[in-house]
């Protein structure tokens, strides 16, 4: 499954548009990647985004999981590039720092902040919340300039 999130950004105002998950199903890898590609192409066609943000792959304890995540991520990037869209990439640390204020926040904290920042009536599914958080991070980066990613420290709840 691959999460997606679409938001509109006008200055500092963020507006929820859509989110969900593209199911890859079961079976051969090529068929699962094709399902992700087709699903994301449908999302792009339906919502006409002007930019795409994706999370960078982190190295996981399980090499097979890391490889599968990288292949799904590559497929998502291909869907965006095939549509002529620019792609920005962010680490999980950048996304969590931007949305929660803590680069090591738990998934439920990210879901909670996504819900609050977008004034959603309920919490989105975990994969959709991650995608929305990545979109919010990208929007914050455009509003605030380039995101600093080295030597991040928190002091009394503020980024130093």
Protein backbone atom coordinates (compact mmCIF):
# COMPACT_ATOMS: atom_id res chain seq x y z
CA UNK A 1 0.00 0.00 0.00
CA UNK A 2 1.18 3.51 -0.84
CA UNK A 3 -0.31 6.55 0.86
CA UNK A 4 -1.09 9.79 -0.91
CA UNK A 5 -2.14 13.21 0.33
CA UNK A 6 -3.21 16.29 -1.57
CA UNK A 7 -3.35 19.76 -0.01
CA UNK A 8 -3.72 23.31 -1.26
CA UNK A 9 -1.38 25.95 0.11
CA UNK A 10 -2.02 29.67 0.00
CA UNK A 11 0.65 31.48 1.97
CA UNK A 12 0.58 29.83 5.38
CA UNK A 13 -2.96 28.48 5.00
CA UNK A 14 -3.17 24.75 4.32
CA UNK A 15 -6.38 23.18 3.01
CA UNK A 16 -7.06 19.46 2.84
CA UNK A 17 -8.07 18.23 -0.63
CA UNK A 18 -7.80 14.42 -0.58
CA UNK A 19 -5.88 11.49 0.86
CA UNK A 20 -5.94 7.74 0.83
CA UNK A 21 -3.98 4.67 -0.08
CA UNK A 22 -3.24 3.00 -3.38
CA UNK A 23 -3.42 -0.73 -2.85
CA UNK A 24 -0.78 -2.79 -4.61
CA UNK A 25 -2.49 -6.12 -4.04
CA UNK A 26 -0.64 -9.41 -3.99
CA UNK A 27 1.27 -11.38 -6.56
CA UNK A 28 4.36 -10.67 -8.62
CA UNK A 29 6.40 -7.56 -7.89
CA UNK A 30 5.95 -6.14 -11.39
CA UNK A 31 2.16 -6.37 -11.13
CA UNK A 32 2.16 -4.70 -7.69
CA UNK A 33 4.37 -1.85 -8.94
CA UNK A 34 2.11 -1.44 -11.98
CA UNK A 35 -0.92 -1.15 -9.66
CA UNK A 36 0.86 1.60 -7.68
CA UNK A 37 1.84 3.43 -10.87
CA UNK A 38 -1.70 3.28 -12.30
CA UNK A 39 -3.27 4.27 -8.97
CA UNK A 40 -1.02 7.29 -8.56
CA UNK A 41 -1.55 8.33 -12.17
CA UNK A 42 -5.31 8.33 -11.42
CA UNK A 43 -4.75 10.47 -8.31
CA UNK A 44 -2.63 12.91 -10.34
CA UNK A 45 -5.25 13.07 -13.10
CA UNK A 46 -8.09 13.60 -10.62
CA UNK A 47 -6.43 16.29 -8.48
CA UNK A 48 -3.97 17.97 -10.89
CA UNK A 49 -1.21 18.76 -8.39
CA UNK A 50 1.53 21.16 -9.45
CA UNK A 51 4.29 19.59 -7.33
CA UNK A 52 4.95 16.26 -5.65
CA UNK A 53 6.79 15.53 -2.41
CA UNK A 54 7.99 12.07 -1.42
CA UNK A 55 9.71 10.72 1.64
CA UNK A 56 13.26 9.44 1.23
CA UNK A 57 13.87 5.79 2.01
CA UNK A 58 15.40 5.04 5.37
CA UNK A 59 17.56 1.98 5.96
CA UNK A 60 15.53 -0.50 7.92
CA UNK A 61 16.67 -3.50 9.96
CA UNK A 62 15.03 -5.72 7.33
CA UNK A 63 16.79 -5.32 3.95
CA UNK A 64 13.81 -6.82 2.07
CA UNK A 65 11.46 -4.19 3.53
CA UNK A 66 13.89 -1.41 2.64
CA UNK A 67 14.17 -2.70 -0.93
CA UNK A 68 10.38 -2.99 -1.33
CA UNK A 69 9.89 0.51 0.05
CA UNK A 70 12.50 1.87 -2.35
CA UNK A 71 10.82 0.21 -5.32
CA UNK A 72 7.40 1.62 -4.39
CA UNK A 73 8.97 5.06 -3.87
CA UNK A 74 10.67 4.86 -7.27
CA UNK A 75 7.32 4.00 -8.84
CA UNK A 76 5.72 7.03 -7.18
CA UNK A 77 8.49 9.27 -8.49
CA UNK A 78 7.99 7.81 -11.99
CA UNK A 79 4.25 8.59 -11.83
CA UNK A 80 5.06 12.22 -11.00
CA UNK A 81 7.81 12.58 -13.59
CA UNK A 82 5.65 11.00 -16.30
CA UNK A 83 3.05 13.69 -15.53
CA UNK A 84 5.71 16.40 -15.88
CA UNK A 85 5.66 17.31 -12.18
CA UNK A 86 8.66 18.42 -10.13
CA UNK A 87 9.51 16.09 -7.24
CA UNK A 88 10.88 17.17 -3.86
CA UNK A 89 12.29 14.64 -1.40
CA UNK A 90 12.34 14.82 2.39
CA UNK A 91 13.71 12.57 5.10
CA UNK A 92 11.41 11.25 7.81
CA UNK A 93 13.31 13.50 10.24
CA UNK A 94 12.53 16.58 8.14
CA UNK A 95 8.86 15.64 7.82
CA UNK A 96 8.38 14.97 11.54
CA UNK A 97 10.35 18.10 12.50
CA UNK A 98 8.20 20.23 10.20
CA UNK A 99 4.85 18.79 11.26
CA UNK A 100 5.35 17.87 14.93
CA UNK A 101 8.40 19.90 15.93
CA UNK A 102 10.23 16.73 16.92
CA UNK A 103 12.19 14.71 14.37
CA UNK A 104 11.73 11.55 16.41
CA UNK A 105 7.96 11.82 16.90
CA UNK A 106 5.81 8.70 16.97
CA UNK A 107 3.35 7.90 14.16
CA UNK A 108 0.34 8.75 16.35
CA UNK A 109 1.83 12.19 17.04
CA UNK A 110 2.21 12.78 13.30
CA UNK A 111 -1.40 11.68 12.72
CA UNK A 112 -2.61 13.98 15.48
CA UNK A 113 -0.76 17.03 14.12
CA UNK A 114 -1.86 16.34 10.54
CA UNK A 115 -5.44 16.24 11.82
CA UNK A 116 -5.00 19.54 13.67
CA UNK A 117 -3.06 21.38 10.95
CA UNK A 118 -5.62 20.45 8.29
CA UNK A 119 -8.67 20.72 10.60
CA UNK A 120 -9.78 17.18 9.77
CA UNK A 121 -12.80 15.68 11.52
CA UNK A 122 -10.90 12.43 12.21
CA UNK A 123 -7.44 10.97 11.99
CA UNK A 124 -6.40 9.76 8.54
CA UNK A 125 -5.03 6.24 8.09
CA UNK A 126 -1.33 5.94 8.97
CA UNK A 127 -0.06 5.80 5.35
CA UNK A 128 -2.32 8.67 4.29
CA UNK A 129 -1.23 10.71 7.34
CA UNK A 130 2.43 10.15 6.41
CA UNK A 131 1.74 11.36 2.86
CA UNK A 132 -0.16 14.42 4.12
CA UNK A 133 2.68 15.13 6.55
CA UNK A 134 5.14 15.04 3.65
CA UNK A 135 2.92 17.48 1.73
CA UNK A 136 2.73 19.77 4.77
CA UNK A 137 6.53 19.62 5.14
CA UNK A 138 6.88 20.62 1.49
CA UNK A 139 4.39 23.47 1.93
CA UNK A 140 6.23 24.68 5.04
CA UNK A 141 9.50 24.54 3.13
CA UNK A 142 8.10 26.81 0.43
CA UNK A 143 6.60 29.20 2.97
CA UNK A 144 9.66 29.31 5.22
CA UNK A 145 12.45 28.86 2.69
CA UNK A 146 14.83 25.95 2.57
CA UNK A 147 14.51 23.53 5.50
CA UNK A 148 17.64 23.23 7.60
CA UNK A 149 18.46 19.56 8.10
CA UNK A 150 21.79 19.50 9.90
CA UNK A 151 22.44 20.12 13.58
CA UNK A 152 18.76 20.28 14.50
CA UNK A 153 18.24 20.75 18.24
CA UNK A 154 15.18 21.48 20.30
CA UNK A 155 15.38 23.87 23.25
CA UNK A 156 12.24 24.53 25.27
CA UNK A 157 10.11 23.38 22.36
CA UNK A 158 11.81 25.63 19.83
CA UNK A 159 14.09 24.76 16.97
CA UNK A 160 17.59 26.09 17.59
